[in-house]
Amino acid sequence: MPVVTVLQGPRDIELKRDLVTRITDSFVESYNIPAETVQVWFTEVPADSWGAAGKLTADS
């Protein structure tokens, strides 16, 4: 069973629903497997705990 981990900043639940559907559909189509076997896990990191280009994303 595929497990996909998405590491990101906080997102709206509707965006996550859409992404889960798209990821699942991609695995179903590419691997010819049942949708029930695909799992998608979200890990959301707040902007004050994430850095890019030498500074916290909260400071951007």
PDB file of N, CA and C in Angstrom:
ATOM      1  N   MET A   1       0.836  -1.174   0.000  1.00  0.00           N
ATOM      2  CA  MET A   1       0.000   0.000   0.000  1.00  0.00           C
ATOM      3  C   MET A   1       0.882   1.239   0.000  1.00  0.00           C
ATOM      4  N   PRO A   2       0.675   2.141  -0.925  1.00  0.00           N
ATOM      5  CA  PRO A   2       1.447   3.382  -0.940  1.00  0.00           C
ATOM      6  C   PRO A   2       1.028   4.313   0.195  1.00  0.00           C
ATOM      7  N   VAL A   3       2.019   4.940   0.801  1.00  0.00           N
ATOM      8  CA  VAL A   3       1.789   5.980   1.805  1.00  0.00           C
ATOM      9  C   VAL A   3       2.534   7.219   1.326  1.00  0.00           C
ATOM     10  N   VAL A   4       1.814   8.299   1.128  1.00  0.00           N
ATOM     11  CA  VAL A   4       2.391   9.550   0.657  1.00  0.00           C
ATOM     12  C   VAL A   4       2.369  10.536   1.819  1.00  0.00           C
ATOM     13  N   THR A   5       3.511  11.140   2.108  1.00  0.00           N
ATOM     14  CA  THR A   5       3.595  12.136   3.165  1.00  0.00           C
ATOM     15  C   THR A   5       3.759  13.511   2.534  1.00  0.00           C
ATOM     16  N   VAL A   6       2.902  14.437   2.922  1.00  0.00           N
ATOM     17  CA  VAL A   6       2.958  15.807   2.442  1.00  0.00           C
ATOM     18  C   VAL A   6       3.394  16.677   3.619  1.00  0.00           C
ATOM     19  N   LEU A   7       4.556  17.286   3.499  1.00  0.00           N
ATOM     20  CA  LEU A   7       5.081  18.189   4.511  1.00  0.00           C
ATOM     21  C   LEU A   7       4.897  19.601   3.991  1.00  0.00           C
ATOM     22  N   GLN A   8       4.144  20.415   4.738  1.00  0.00           N
ATOM     23  CA  GLN A   8       3.789  21.741   4.232  1.00  0.00           C
ATOM     24  C   GLN A   8       3.407  22.665   5.377  1.00  0.00           C
ATOM     25  N   GLY A   9       3.221  23.917   5.034  1.00  0.00           N
ATOM     26  CA  GLY A   9       2.618  24.857   5.965  1.00  0.00           C
ATOM     27  C   GLY A   9       1.124  24.605   6.015  1.00  0.00           C
ATOM     28  N   PRO A  10       0.435  25.177   6.991  1.00  0.00           N
ATOM     29  CA  PRO A  10      -1.007  24.971   7.116  1.00  0.00           C
ATOM     30  C   PRO A  10      -1.765  25.378   5.849  1.00  0.00           C
ATOM     31  N   ARG A  11      -2.732  24.555   5.482  1.00  0.00           N
ATOM     32  CA  ARG A  11      -3.570  24.815   4.308  1.00  0.00           C
ATOM     33  C   ARG A  11      -5.034  24.593   4.678  1.00  0.00           C
ATOM     34  N   ASP A  12      -5.927  25.192   3.922  1.00  0.00           N
ATOM     35  CA  ASP A  12      -7.361  25.032   4.085  1.00  0.00           C
ATOM     36  C   ASP A  12      -7.752  23.567   3.852  1.00  0.00           C
ATOM     37  N   ILE A  13      -8.730  23.086   4.582  1.00  0.00           N
ATOM     38  CA  ILE A  13      -9.151  21.691   4.478  1.00  0.00           C
ATOM     39  C   ILE A  13      -9.660  21.338   3.073  1.00  0.00           C
ATOM     40  N   GLU A  14     -10.279  22.288   2.392  1.00  0.00           N
ATOM     41  CA  GLU A  14     -10.750  22.012   1.030  1.00  0.00           C
ATOM     42  C   GLU A  14      -9.578  21.755   0.079  1.00  0.00           C
ATOM     43  N   LEU A  15      -8.495  22.495   0.253  1.00  0.00           N
ATOM     44  CA  LEU A  15      -7.304  22.260  -0.574  1.00  0.00           C
ATOM     45  C   LEU A  15      -6.722  20.877  -0.301  1.00  0.00           C
ATOM     46  N   LYS A  16      -6.722  20.479   0.964  1.00  0.00           N
ATOM     47  CA  LYS A  16      -6.200  19.150   1.315  1.00  0.00           C
ATOM     48  C   LYS A  16      -7.107  18.052   0.775  1.00  0.00           C
ATOM     49  N   ARG A  17      -8.396  18.245   0.827  1.00  0.00           N
ATOM     50  CA  ARG A  17      -9.318  17.252   0.246  1.00  0.00           C
ATOM     51  C   ARG A  17      -9.034  17.060  -1.240  1.00  0.00           C
ATOM     52  N   ASP A  18      -8.869  18.169  -1.946  1.00  0.00           N
ATOM     53  CA  ASP A  18      -8.589  18.105  -3.376  1.00  0.00           C
ATOM     54  C   ASP A  18      -7.260  17.396  -3.642  1.00  0.00           C
ATOM     55  N   LEU A  19      -6.234  17.714  -2.865  1.00  0.00           N
ATOM     56  CA  LEU A  19      -4.931  17.091  -3.065  1.00  0.00           C
ATOM     57  C   LEU A  19      -4.979  15.593  -2.799  1.00  0.00           C
ATOM     58  N   VAL A  20      -5.685  15.169  -1.742  1.00  0.00           N
ATOM     59  CA  VAL A  20      -5.825  13.742  -1.450  1.00  0.00           C
ATOM     60  C   VAL A  20      -6.473  13.024  -2.631  1.00  0.00           C
ATOM     61  N   THR A  21      -7.505  13.615  -3.187  1.00  0.00           N
ATOM     62  CA  THR A  21      -8.174  13.016  -4.349  1.00  0.00           C
ATOM     63  C   THR A  21      -7.226  12.889  -5.527  1.00  0.00           C
ATOM     64  N   ARG A  22      -6.477  13.942  -5.816  1.00  0.00           N
ATOM     65  CA  ARG A  22      -5.570  13.933  -6.965  1.00  0.00           C
ATOM     66  C   ARG A  22      -4.423  12.933  -6.780  1.00  0.00           C
ATOM     67  N   ILE A  23      -3.867  12.896  -5.582  1.00  0.00           N
ATOM     68  CA  ILE A  23      -2.781  11.950  -5.312  1.00  0.00           C
ATOM     69  C   ILE A  23      -3.296  10.518  -5.441  1.00  0.00           C
ATOM     70  N   THR A  24      -4.446  10.259  -4.832  1.00  0.00           N
ATOM     71  CA  THR A  24      -5.030   8.922  -4.899  1.00  0.00           C
ATOM     72  C   THR A  24      -5.310   8.523  -6.339  1.00  0.00           C
ATOM     73  N   ASP A  25      -5.938   9.398  -7.095  1.00  0.00           N
ATOM     74  CA  ASP A  25      -6.236   9.107  -8.505  1.00  0.00           C
ATOM     75  C   ASP A  25      -4.972   8.810  -9.299  1.00  0.00           C
ATOM     76  N   SER A  26      -3.897   9.526  -9.006  1.00  0.00           N
ATOM     77  CA  SER A  26      -2.635   9.293  -9.722  1.00  0.00           C
ATOM     78  C   SER A  26      -2.091   7.895  -9.453  1.00  0.00           C
ATOM     79  N   PHE A  27      -2.153   7.464  -8.201  1.00  0.00           N
ATOM     80  CA  PHE A  27      -1.683   6.115  -7.875  1.00  0.00           C
ATOM     81  C   PHE A  27      -2.580   5.049  -8.488  1.00  0.00           C
ATOM     82  N   VAL A  28      -3.876   5.262  -8.433  1.00  0.00           N
ATOM     83  CA  VAL A  28      -4.812   4.305  -9.024  1.00  0.00           C
ATOM     84  C   VAL A  28      -4.529   4.145 -10.511  1.00  0.00           C
ATOM     85  N   GLU A  29      -4.333   5.250 -11.191  1.00  0.00           N
ATOM     86  CA  GLU A  29      -4.075   5.211 -12.634  1.00  0.00           C
ATOM     87  C   GLU A  29      -2.692   4.652 -12.957  1.00  0.00           C
ATOM     88  N   SER A  30      -1.673   5.089 -12.236  1.00  0.00           N
ATOM     89  CA  SER A  30      -0.301   4.691 -12.546  1.00  0.00           C
ATOM     90  C   SER A  30       0.016   3.255 -12.138  1.00  0.00           C
ATOM     91  N   TYR A  31      -0.468   2.841 -10.980  1.00  0.00           N
ATOM     92  CA  TYR A  31      -0.129   1.522 -10.433  1.00  0.00           C
ATOM     93  C   TYR A  31      -1.229   0.492 -10.620  1.00  0.00           C
ATOM     94  N   ASN A  32      -2.398   0.952 -11.100  1.00  0.00           N
ATOM     95  CA  ASN A  32      -3.532   0.055 -11.298  1.00  0.00           C
ATOM     96  C   ASN A  32      -3.887  -0.670  -9.994  1.00  0.00           C
ATOM     97  N   ILE A  33      -4.061   0.116  -8.935  1.00  0.00           N
ATOM     98  CA  ILE A  33      -4.382  -0.415  -7.612  1.00  0.00           C
ATOM     99  C   ILE A  33      -5.684   0.202  -7.123  1.00  0.00           C
ATOM    100  N   PRO A  34      -6.345  -0.437  -6.158  1.00  0.00           N
ATOM    101  CA  PRO A  34      -7.577   0.143  -5.616  1.00  0.00           C
ATOM    102  C   PRO A  34      -7.293   1.412  -4.809  1.00  0.00           C
ATOM    103  N   ALA A  35      -8.191   2.361  -4.893  1.00  0.00           N
ATOM    104  CA  ALA A  35      -8.042   3.621  -4.153  1.00  0.00           C
ATOM    105  C   ALA A  35      -7.933   3.372  -2.653  1.00  0.00           C
ATOM    106  N   GLU A  36      -8.561   2.330  -2.174  1.00  0.00           N
ATOM    107  CA  GLU A  36      -8.558   2.025  -0.739  1.00  0.00           C
ATOM    108  C   GLU A  36      -7.172   1.698  -0.201  1.00  0.00           C
ATOM    109  N   THR A  37      -6.231   1.405  -1.087  1.00  0.00           N
ATOM    110  CA  THR A  37      -4.882   1.052  -0.632  1.00  0.00           C
ATOM    111  C   THR A  37      -3.951   2.254  -0.520  1.00  0.00           C
ATOM    112  N   VAL A  38      -4.398   3.408  -0.968  1.00  0.00           N
ATOM    113  CA  VAL A  38      -3.558   4.608  -0.968  1.00  0.00           C
ATOM    114  C   VAL A  38      -3.839   5.433   0.287  1.00  0.00           C
ATOM    115  N   GLN A  39      -2.773   5.790   1.003  1.00  0.00           N
ATOM    116  CA  GLN A  39      -2.895   6.641   2.183  1.00  0.00           C
ATOM    117  C   GLN A  39      -2.095   7.916   1.967  1.00  0.00           C
ATOM    118  N   VAL A  40      -2.650   9.029   2.411  1.00  0.00           N
ATOM    119  CA  VAL A  40      -1.973  10.323   2.319  1.00  0.00           C
ATOM    120  C   VAL A  40      -1.942  10.919   3.721  1.00  0.00           C
ATOM    121  N   TRP A  41      -0.743  11.244   4.175  1.00  0.00           N
ATOM    122  CA  TRP A  41      -0.551  11.822   5.507  1.00  0.00           C
ATOM    123  C   TRP A  41      -0.055  13.249   5.359  1.00  0.00           C
ATOM    124  N   PHE A  42      -0.661  14.170   6.096  1.00  0.00           N
ATOM    125  CA  PHE A  42      -0.233  15.555   6.102  1.00  0.00           C
ATOM    126  C   PHE A  42       0.511  15.864   7.400  1.00  0.00           C
ATOM    127  N   THR A  43       1.640  16.515   7.262  1.00  0.00           N
ATOM    128  CA  THR A  43       2.342  17.094   8.401  1.00  0.00           C
ATOM    129  C   THR A  43       2.420  18.580   8.119  1.00  0.00           C
ATOM    130  N   GLU A  44       1.798  19.370   8.984  1.00  0.00           N
ATOM    131  CA  GLU A  44       1.764  20.810   8.781  1.00  0.00           C
ATOM    132  C   GLU A  44       2.653  21.506   9.808  1.00  0.00           C
ATOM    133  N   VAL A  45       3.517  22.340   9.288  1.00  0.00           N
ATOM    134  CA  VAL A  45       4.486  23.049  10.118  1.00  0.00           C
ATOM    135  C   VAL A  45       4.128  24.536  10.110  1.00  0.00           C
ATOM    136  N   PRO A  46       3.974  25.148  11.277  1.00  0.00           N
ATOM    137  CA  PRO A  46       3.650  26.578  11.313  1.00  0.00           C
ATOM    138  C   PRO A  46       4.792  27.432  10.749  1.00  0.00           C
ATOM    139  N   ALA A  47       4.440  28.607  10.262  1.00  0.00           N
ATOM    140  CA  ALA A  47       5.411  29.493   9.615  1.00  0.00           C
ATOM    141  C   ALA A  47       6.561  29.893  10.539  1.00  0.00           C
ATOM    142  N   ASP A  48       6.331  29.896  11.848  1.00  0.00           N
ATOM    143  CA  ASP A  48       7.418  30.265  12.763  1.00  0.00           C
ATOM    144  C   ASP A  48       8.331  29.080  13.090  1.00  0.00           C
ATOM    145  N   SER A  49       8.057  27.940  12.468  1.00  0.00           N
ATOM    146  CA  SER A  49       8.904  26.756  12.652  1.00  0.00           C
ATOM    147  C   SER A  49       9.488  26.267  11.331  1.00  0.00           C
ATOM    148  N   TRP A  50       9.528  27.129  10.338  1.00  0.00           N
ATOM    149  CA  TRP A  50       9.979  26.765   8.994  1.00  0.00           C
ATOM    150  C   TRP A  50      10.853  27.891   8.473  1.00  0.00           C
ATOM    151  N   GLY A  51      11.995  27.553   7.938  1.00  0.00           N
ATOM    152  CA  GLY A  51      12.881  28.568   7.382  1.00  0.00           C
ATOM    153  C   GLY A  51      13.196  28.306   5.924  1.00  0.00           C
ATOM    154  N   ALA A  52      13.422  29.358   5.189  1.00  0.00           N
ATOM    155  CA  ALA A  52      13.825  29.276   3.785  1.00  0.00           C
ATOM    156  C   ALA A  52      14.644  30.514   3.449  1.00  0.00           C
ATOM    157  N   ALA A  53      15.667  30.323   2.652  1.00  0.00           N
ATOM    158  CA  ALA A  53      16.508  31.429   2.191  1.00  0.00           C
ATOM    159  C   ALA A  53      17.097  32.226   3.367  1.00  0.00           C
ATOM    160  N   GLY A  54      17.399  31.530   4.452  1.00  0.00           N
ATOM    161  CA  GLY A  54      18.078  32.164   5.560  1.00  0.00           C
ATOM    162  C   GLY A  54      17.214  32.887   6.564  1.00  0.00           C
ATOM    163  N   LYS A  55      15.866  32.758   6.444  1.00  0.00           N
ATOM    164  CA  LYS A  55      15.004  33.405   7.422  1.00  0.00           C
ATOM    165  C   LYS A  55      13.727  32.590   7.616  1.00  0.00           C
ATOM    166  N   LEU A  56      13.063  32.824   8.741  1.00  0.00           N
ATOM    167  CA  LEU A  56      11.794  32.156   8.999  1.00  0.00           C
ATOM    168  C   LEU A  56      10.756  32.601   7.974  1.00  0.00           C
ATOM    169  N   THR A  57       9.919  31.671   7.549  1.00  0.00           N
ATOM    170  CA  THR A  57       8.864  32.058   6.607  1.00  0.00           C
ATOM    171  C   THR A  57       7.871  33.010   7.271  1.00  0.00           C
ATOM    172  N   ALA A  58       7.759  32.987   8.588  1.00  0.00           N
ATOM    173  CA  ALA A  58       6.883  33.920   9.304  1.00  0.00           C
ATOM    174  C   ALA A  58       7.359  35.362   9.139  1.00  0.00           C
ATOM    175  N   ASP A  59       8.647  35.555   8.850  1.00  0.00           N
ATOM    176  CA  ASP A  59       9.198  36.888   8.696  1.00  0.00           C
ATOM    177  C   ASP A  59       9.140  37.406   7.260  1.00  0.00           C
ATOM    178  N   SER A  60       8.606  36.611   6.376  1.00  0.00           N
ATOM    179  CA  SER A  60       8.535  37.020   4.954  1.00  0.00           C
ATOM    180  C   SER A  60       7.372  37.917   4.682  1.00  0.00           C
TER     181      SER A  60
END
